[in-house]
Amino acid sequence: MPKTKVALGAIQETLLIPLWARAVEKEQSNPIIVDPKSAEIMAAIDYDFDKFSHAKSSQIGCCLRRLILDNWVR
């Protein structure tokens, strides 16, 4: 399946961080959240997600915020 190329500005690129965070979290041994769709979407985008790999605290923060919001909604 061909990947979709994205042309984003610096601000728009930040919207990919939560997507990356959820996809990475899914692969942890004891994940905070499990979002298989995020990994599917990430795999379909032609983008260098490795640039986010140094942001472990942002990754955890995104997942914790999602968990809190999910609990509030429930």
PDB file of N, CA and C in Angstrom:
ATOM      1  N   MET A   1       0.836  -1.168   0.000  1.00  0.00           N
ATOM      2  CA  MET A   1       0.000   0.000   0.000  1.00  0.00           C
ATOM      3  C   MET A   1       0.888   1.241   0.000  1.00  0.00           C
ATOM      4  N   PRO A   2       0.673   2.172  -0.947  1.00  0.00           N
ATOM      5  CA  PRO A   2       1.504   3.376  -0.981  1.00  0.00           C
ATOM      6  C   PRO A   2       1.178   4.298   0.197  1.00  0.00           C
ATOM      7  N   LYS A   3       2.211   4.951   0.680  1.00  0.00           N
ATOM      8  CA  LYS A   3       2.026   5.874   1.797  1.00  0.00           C
ATOM      9  C   LYS A   3       1.597   7.235   1.276  1.00  0.00           C
ATOM     10  N   THR A   4       0.805   7.931   2.074  1.00  0.00           N
ATOM     11  CA  THR A   4       0.338   9.262   1.723  1.00  0.00           C
ATOM     12  C   THR A   4       1.379  10.284   2.142  1.00  0.00           C
ATOM     13  N   LYS A   5       1.815  11.109   1.195  1.00  0.00           N
ATOM     14  CA  LYS A   5       2.756  12.182   1.513  1.00  0.00           C
ATOM     15  C   LYS A   5       1.989  13.335   2.139  1.00  0.00           C
ATOM     16  N   VAL A   6       2.602  13.946   3.133  1.00  0.00           N
ATOM     17  CA  VAL A   6       1.981  15.094   3.780  1.00  0.00           C
ATOM     18  C   VAL A   6       2.931  16.276   3.695  1.00  0.00           C
ATOM     19  N   ALA A   7       2.387  17.438   3.437  1.00  0.00           N
ATOM     20  CA  ALA A   7       3.157  18.685   3.418  1.00  0.00           C
ATOM     21  C   ALA A   7       2.588  19.564   4.520  1.00  0.00           C
ATOM     22  N   LEU A   8       3.285  19.618   5.622  1.00  0.00           N
ATOM     23  CA  LEU A   8       2.790  20.337   6.786  1.00  0.00           C
ATOM     24  C   LEU A   8       3.756  21.429   7.212  1.00  0.00           C
ATOM     25  N   GLY A   9       3.208  22.493   7.763  1.00  0.00           N
ATOM     26  CA  GLY A   9       4.032  23.519   8.378  1.00  0.00           C
ATOM     27  C   GLY A   9       4.432  23.065   9.768  1.00  0.00           C
ATOM     28  N   ALA A  10       5.266  23.837  10.416  1.00  0.00           N
ATOM     29  CA  ALA A  10       5.763  23.464  11.746  1.00  0.00           C
ATOM     30  C   ALA A  10       4.634  23.301  12.760  1.00  0.00           C
ATOM     31  N   ILE A  11       3.668  24.175  12.730  1.00  0.00           N
ATOM     32  CA  ILE A  11       2.560  24.088  13.687  1.00  0.00           C
ATOM     33  C   ILE A  11       1.690  22.873  13.382  1.00  0.00           C
ATOM     34  N   GLN A  12       1.406  22.641  12.109  1.00  0.00           N
ATOM     35  CA  GLN A  12       0.579  21.491  11.724  1.00  0.00           C
ATOM     36  C   GLN A  12       1.264  20.173  12.066  1.00  0.00           C
ATOM     37  N   GLU A  13       2.595  20.155  11.980  1.00  0.00           N
ATOM     38  CA  GLU A  13       3.331  18.927  12.317  1.00  0.00           C
ATOM     39  C   GLU A  13       3.097  18.497  13.759  1.00  0.00           C
ATOM     40  N   THR A  14       2.874  19.445  14.647  1.00  0.00           N
ATOM     41  CA  THR A  14       2.667  19.097  16.056  1.00  0.00           C
ATOM     42  C   THR A  14       1.419  18.250  16.251  1.00  0.00           C
ATOM     43  N   LEU A  15       0.501  18.289  15.302  1.00  0.00           N
ATOM     44  CA  LEU A  15      -0.707  17.472  15.400  1.00  0.00           C
ATOM     45  C   LEU A  15      -0.405  15.988  15.216  1.00  0.00           C
ATOM     46  N   LEU A  16       0.763  15.663  14.680  1.00  0.00           N
ATOM     47  CA  LEU A  16       1.148  14.265  14.511  1.00  0.00           C
ATOM     48  C   LEU A  16       1.726  13.666  15.796  1.00  0.00           C
ATOM     49  N   ILE A  17       2.106  14.503  16.742  1.00  0.00           N
ATOM     50  CA  ILE A  17       2.706  14.006  17.981  1.00  0.00           C
ATOM     51  C   ILE A  17       1.742  13.099  18.750  1.00  0.00           C
ATOM     52  N   PRO A  18       0.489  13.486  18.981  1.00  0.00           N
ATOM     53  CA  PRO A  18      -0.425  12.575  19.689  1.00  0.00           C
ATOM     54  C   PRO A  18      -0.652  11.263  18.937  1.00  0.00           C
ATOM     55  N   LEU A  19      -0.699  11.317  17.623  1.00  0.00           N
ATOM     56  CA  LEU A  19      -0.853  10.102  16.828  1.00  0.00           C
ATOM     57  C   LEU A  19       0.339   9.178  17.070  1.00  0.00           C
ATOM     58  N   TRP A  20       1.539   9.734  16.959  1.00  0.00           N
ATOM     59  CA  TRP A  20       2.763   8.961  17.205  1.00  0.00           C
ATOM     60  C   TRP A  20       2.780   8.411  18.629  1.00  0.00           C
ATOM     61  N   ALA A  21       2.395   9.250  19.602  1.00  0.00           N
ATOM     62  CA  ALA A  21       2.423   8.831  21.012  1.00  0.00           C
ATOM     63  C   ALA A  21       1.524   7.630  21.253  1.00  0.00           C
ATOM     64  N   ARG A  22       0.324   7.646  20.697  1.00  0.00           N
ATOM     65  CA  ARG A  22      -0.604   6.531  20.890  1.00  0.00           C
ATOM     66  C   ARG A  22      -0.102   5.269  20.197  1.00  0.00           C
ATOM     67  N   ALA A  23       0.477   5.430  19.006  1.00  0.00           N
ATOM     68  CA  ALA A  23       0.989   4.268  18.277  1.00  0.00           C
ATOM     69  C   ALA A  23       2.166   3.634  19.012  1.00  0.00           C
ATOM     70  N   VAL A  24       3.042   4.453  19.558  1.00  0.00           N
ATOM     71  CA  VAL A  24       4.201   3.947  20.307  1.00  0.00           C
ATOM     72  C   VAL A  24       3.749   3.276  21.598  1.00  0.00           C
ATOM     73  N   GLU A  25       2.785   3.857  22.267  1.00  0.00           N
ATOM     74  CA  GLU A  25       2.304   3.315  23.544  1.00  0.00           C
ATOM     75  C   GLU A  25       1.717   1.918  23.375  1.00  0.00           C
ATOM     76  N   LYS A  26       1.064   1.703  22.259  1.00  0.00           N
ATOM     77  CA  LYS A  26       0.455   0.400  21.984  1.00  0.00           C
ATOM     78  C   LYS A  26       1.476  -0.731  22.040  1.00  0.00           C
ATOM     79  N   GLU A  27       2.739  -0.430  21.755  1.00  0.00           N
ATOM     80  CA  GLU A  27       3.794  -1.443  21.708  1.00  0.00           C
ATOM     81  C   GLU A  27       4.479  -1.669  23.060  1.00  0.00           C
ATOM     82  N   GLN A  28       4.116  -0.916  24.089  1.00  0.00           N
ATOM     83  CA  GLN A  28       4.741  -1.064  25.404  1.00  0.00           C
ATOM     84  C   GLN A  28       4.258  -2.345  26.084  1.00  0.00           C
ATOM     85  N   SER A  29       5.040  -2.842  27.032  1.00  0.00           N
ATOM     86  CA  SER A  29       4.666  -4.083  27.722  1.00  0.00           C
ATOM     87  C   SER A  29       3.435  -3.898  28.616  1.00  0.00           C
ATOM     88  N   ASN A  30       3.261  -2.717  29.173  1.00  0.00           N
ATOM     89  CA  ASN A  30       2.101  -2.418  30.016  1.00  0.00           C
ATOM     90  C   ASN A  30       1.547  -1.051  29.578  1.00  0.00           C
ATOM     91  N   PRO A  31       0.840  -1.011  28.445  1.00  0.00           N
ATOM     92  CA  PRO A  31       0.432   0.276  27.876  1.00  0.00           C
ATOM     93  C   PRO A  31      -0.616   1.009  28.710  1.00  0.00           C
ATOM     94  N   ILE A  32      -0.510   2.331  28.703  1.00  0.00           N
ATOM     95  CA  ILE A  32      -1.495   3.196  29.360  1.00  0.00           C
ATOM     96  C   ILE A  32      -2.809   3.127  28.579  1.00  0.00           C
ATOM     97  N   ILE A  33      -2.703   3.179  27.267  1.00  0.00           N
ATOM     98  CA  ILE A  33      -3.854   3.073  26.363  1.00  0.00           C
ATOM     99  C   ILE A  33      -3.461   2.169  25.204  1.00  0.00           C
ATOM    100  N   VAL A  34      -4.447   1.613  24.537  1.00  0.00           N
ATOM    101  CA  VAL A  34      -4.204   0.784  23.354  1.00  0.00           C
ATOM    102  C   VAL A  34      -5.066   1.343  22.224  1.00  0.00           C
ATOM    103  N   ASP A  35      -4.405   1.871  21.211  1.00  0.00           N
ATOM    104  CA  ASP A  35      -5.099   2.488  20.089  1.00  0.00           C
ATOM    105  C   ASP A  35      -4.526   1.922  18.784  1.00  0.00           C
ATOM    106  N   PRO A  36      -5.014   0.752  18.361  1.00  0.00           N
ATOM    107  CA  PRO A  36      -4.463   0.136  17.150  1.00  0.00           C
ATOM    108  C   PRO A  36      -4.662   0.982  15.893  1.00  0.00           C
ATOM    109  N   LYS A  37      -5.705   1.792  15.858  1.00  0.00           N
ATOM    110  CA  LYS A  37      -5.963   2.633  14.681  1.00  0.00           C
ATOM    111  C   LYS A  37      -4.846   3.656  14.489  1.00  0.00           C
ATOM    112  N   SER A  38      -4.277   4.149  15.590  1.00  0.00           N
ATOM    113  CA  SER A  38      -3.199   5.130  15.474  1.00  0.00           C
ATOM    114  C   SER A  38      -1.993   4.530  14.757  1.00  0.00           C
ATOM    115  N   ALA A  39      -1.657   3.293  15.062  1.00  0.00           N
ATOM    116  CA  ALA A  39      -0.534   2.623  14.392  1.00  0.00           C
ATOM    117  C   ALA A  39      -0.842   2.414  12.910  1.00  0.00           C
ATOM    118  N   GLU A  40      -2.087   2.097  12.609  1.00  0.00           N
ATOM    119  CA  GLU A  40      -2.505   1.903  11.223  1.00  0.00           C
ATOM    120  C   GLU A  40      -2.388   3.209  10.433  1.00  0.00           C
ATOM    121  N   ILE A  41      -2.852   4.302  11.030  1.00  0.00           N
ATOM    122  CA  ILE A  41      -2.778   5.610  10.370  1.00  0.00           C
ATOM    123  C   ILE A  41      -1.325   6.038  10.209  1.00  0.00           C
ATOM    124  N   MET A  42      -0.524   5.855  11.264  1.00  0.00           N
ATOM    125  CA  MET A  42       0.879   6.242  11.216  1.00  0.00           C
ATOM    126  C   MET A  42       1.618   5.488  10.109  1.00  0.00           C
ATOM    127  N   ALA A  43       1.314   4.213   9.940  1.00  0.00           N
ATOM    128  CA  ALA A  43       1.958   3.405   8.908  1.00  0.00           C
ATOM    129  C   ALA A  43       1.576   3.852   7.497  1.00  0.00           C
ATOM    130  N   ALA A  44       0.438   4.523   7.366  1.00  0.00           N
ATOM    131  CA  ALA A  44      -0.045   4.951   6.058  1.00  0.00           C
ATOM    132  C   ALA A  44       0.481   6.327   5.643  1.00  0.00           C
ATOM    133  N   ILE A  45       1.167   7.020   6.554  1.00  0.00           N
ATOM    134  CA  ILE A  45       1.649   8.370   6.281  1.00  0.00           C
ATOM    135  C   ILE A  45       3.143   8.336   5.992  1.00  0.00           C
ATOM    136  N   ASP A  46       3.547   8.995   4.917  1.00  0.00           N
ATOM    137  CA  ASP A  46       4.959   9.116   4.563  1.00  0.00           C
ATOM    138  C   ASP A  46       5.533  10.314   5.332  1.00  0.00           C
ATOM    139  N   TYR A  47       6.039  10.037   6.510  1.00  0.00           N
ATOM    140  CA  TYR A  47       6.548  11.086   7.390  1.00  0.00           C
ATOM    141  C   TYR A  47       7.618  10.490   8.288  1.00  0.00           C
ATOM    142  N   ASP A  48       8.614  11.267   8.631  1.00  0.00           N
ATOM    143  CA  ASP A  48       9.702  10.801   9.496  1.00  0.00           C
ATOM    144  C   ASP A  48       9.303  10.964  10.965  1.00  0.00           C
ATOM    145  N   PHE A  49       8.614   9.956  11.501  1.00  0.00           N
ATOM    146  CA  PHE A  49       8.180   9.992  12.897  1.00  0.00           C
ATOM    147  C   PHE A  49       9.341   9.802  13.869  1.00  0.00           C
ATOM    148  N   ASP A  50      10.504   9.385  13.363  1.00  0.00           N
ATOM    149  CA  ASP A  50      11.667   9.188  14.239  1.00  0.00           C
ATOM    150  C   ASP A  50      12.090  10.476  14.933  1.00  0.00           C
ATOM    151  N   LYS A  51      11.748  11.614  14.360  1.00  0.00           N
ATOM    152  CA  LYS A  51      12.131  12.879  14.989  1.00  0.00           C
ATOM    153  C   LYS A  51      11.453  13.070  16.353  1.00  0.00           C
ATOM    154  N   PHE A  52      10.377  12.332  16.608  1.00  0.00           N
ATOM    155  CA  PHE A  52       9.689  12.427  17.900  1.00  0.00           C
ATOM    156  C   PHE A  52      10.235  11.442  18.927  1.00  0.00           C
ATOM    157  N   SER A  53      11.072  10.518  18.508  1.00  0.00           N
ATOM    158  CA  SER A  53      11.502   9.424  19.382  1.00  0.00           C
ATOM    159  C   SER A  53      12.254   9.880  20.629  1.00  0.00           C
ATOM    160  N   HIS A  54      12.802  11.074  20.635  1.00  0.00           N
ATOM    161  CA  HIS A  54      13.512  11.581  21.815  1.00  0.00           C
ATOM    162  C   HIS A  54      12.572  12.222  22.844  1.00  0.00           C
ATOM    163  N   ALA A  55      11.298  12.294  22.533  1.00  0.00           N
ATOM    164  CA  ALA A  55      10.333  12.990  23.386  1.00  0.00           C
ATOM    165  C   ALA A  55       9.500  12.019  24.215  1.00  0.00           C
ATOM    166  N   LYS A  56      10.152  11.185  25.014  1.00  0.00           N
ATOM    167  CA  LYS A  56       9.445  10.168  25.807  1.00  0.00           C
ATOM    168  C   LYS A  56       8.449  10.809  26.779  1.00  0.00           C
ATOM    169  N   SER A  57       8.818  11.932  27.401  1.00  0.00           N
ATOM    170  CA  SER A  57       7.885  12.560  28.339  1.00  0.00           C
ATOM    171  C   SER A  57       6.651  13.099  27.613  1.00  0.00           C
ATOM    172  N   SER A  58       6.808  13.610  26.401  1.00  0.00           N
ATOM    173  CA  SER A  58       5.653  14.055  25.617  1.00  0.00           C
ATOM    174  C   SER A  58       4.780  12.869  25.239  1.00  0.00           C
ATOM    175  N   GLN A  59       5.423  11.763  24.923  1.00  0.00           N
ATOM    176  CA  GLN A  59       4.683  10.560  24.541  1.00  0.00           C
ATOM    177  C   GLN A  59       3.823  10.081  25.701  1.00  0.00           C
ATOM    178  N   ILE A  60       4.388  10.001  26.870  1.00  0.00           N
ATOM    179  CA  ILE A  60       3.637   9.569  28.049  1.00  0.00           C
ATOM    180  C   ILE A  60       2.550  10.584  28.398  1.00  0.00           C
ATOM    181  N   GLY A  61       2.883  11.863  28.319  1.00  0.00           N
ATOM    182  CA  GLY A  61       1.914  12.920  28.621  1.00  0.00           C
ATOM    183  C   GLY A  61       0.696  12.865  27.718  1.00  0.00           C
ATOM    184  N   CYS A  62       0.915  12.653  26.428  1.00  0.00           N
ATOM    185  CA  CYS A  62      -0.212  12.538  25.479  1.00  0.00           C
ATOM    186  C   CYS A  62      -1.120  11.376  25.853  1.00  0.00           C
ATOM    187  N   CYS A  63      -0.524  10.261  26.215  1.00  0.00           N
ATOM    188  CA  CYS A  63      -1.317   9.072  26.549  1.00  0.00           C
ATOM    189  C   CYS A  63      -2.070   9.254  27.865  1.00  0.00           C
ATOM    190  N   LEU A  64      -1.447   9.888  28.833  1.00  0.00           N
ATOM    191  CA  LEU A  64      -2.133  10.148  30.105  1.00  0.00           C
ATOM    192  C   LEU A  64      -3.298  11.112  29.914  1.00  0.00           C
ATOM    193  N   ARG A  65      -3.097  12.162  29.095  1.00  0.00           N
ATOM    194  CA  ARG A  65      -4.206  13.088  28.815  1.00  0.00           C
ATOM    195  C   ARG A  65      -5.359  12.357  28.149  1.00  0.00           C
ATOM    196  N   ARG A  66      -5.050  11.478  27.222  1.00  0.00           N
ATOM    197  CA  ARG A  66      -6.102  10.708  26.550  1.00  0.00           C
ATOM    198  C   ARG A  66      -6.850   9.827  27.546  1.00  0.00           C
ATOM    199  N   LEU A  67      -6.122   9.183  28.450  1.00  0.00           N
ATOM    200  CA  LEU A  67      -6.737   8.331  29.464  1.00  0.00           C
ATOM    201  C   LEU A  67      -7.675   9.150  30.357  1.00  0.00           C
ATOM    202  N   ILE A  68      -7.224  10.318  30.786  1.00  0.00           N
ATOM    203  CA  ILE A  68      -8.044  11.188  31.634  1.00  0.00           C
ATOM    204  C   ILE A  68      -9.300  11.626  30.900  1.00  0.00           C
ATOM    205  N   LEU A  69      -9.144  12.063  29.646  1.00  0.00           N
ATOM    206  CA  LEU A  69     -10.310  12.503  28.869  1.00  0.00           C
ATOM    207  C   LEU A  69     -11.284  11.346  28.635  1.00  0.00           C
ATOM    208  N   ASP A  70     -10.767  10.166  28.343  1.00  0.00           N
ATOM    209  CA  ASP A  70     -11.634   9.003  28.172  1.00  0.00           C
ATOM    210  C   ASP A  70     -12.434   8.720  29.443  1.00  0.00           C
ATOM    211  N   ASN A  71     -11.772   8.809  30.596  1.00  0.00           N
ATOM    212  CA  ASN A  71     -12.462   8.573  31.865  1.00  0.00           C
ATOM    213  C   ASN A  71     -13.519   9.632  32.125  1.00  0.00           C
ATOM    214  N   TRP A  72     -13.231  10.881  31.822  1.00  0.00           N
ATOM    215  CA  TRP A  72     -14.230  11.950  31.994  1.00  0.00           C
ATOM    216  C   TRP A  72     -15.459  11.696  31.113  1.00  0.00           C
ATOM    217  N   VAL A  73     -15.214  11.297  29.888  1.00  0.00           N
ATOM    218  CA  VAL A  73     -16.315  11.064  28.948  1.00  0.00           C
ATOM    219  C   VAL A  73     -17.179   9.886  29.413  1.00  0.00           C
ATOM    220  N   ARG A  74     -16.526   8.838  29.923  1.00  0.00           N
ATOM    221  CA  ARG A  74     -17.285   7.681  30.427  1.00  0.00           C
ATOM    222  C   ARG A  74     -18.127   8.089  31.598  1.00  0.00           C
TER     223      ARG A  74
END
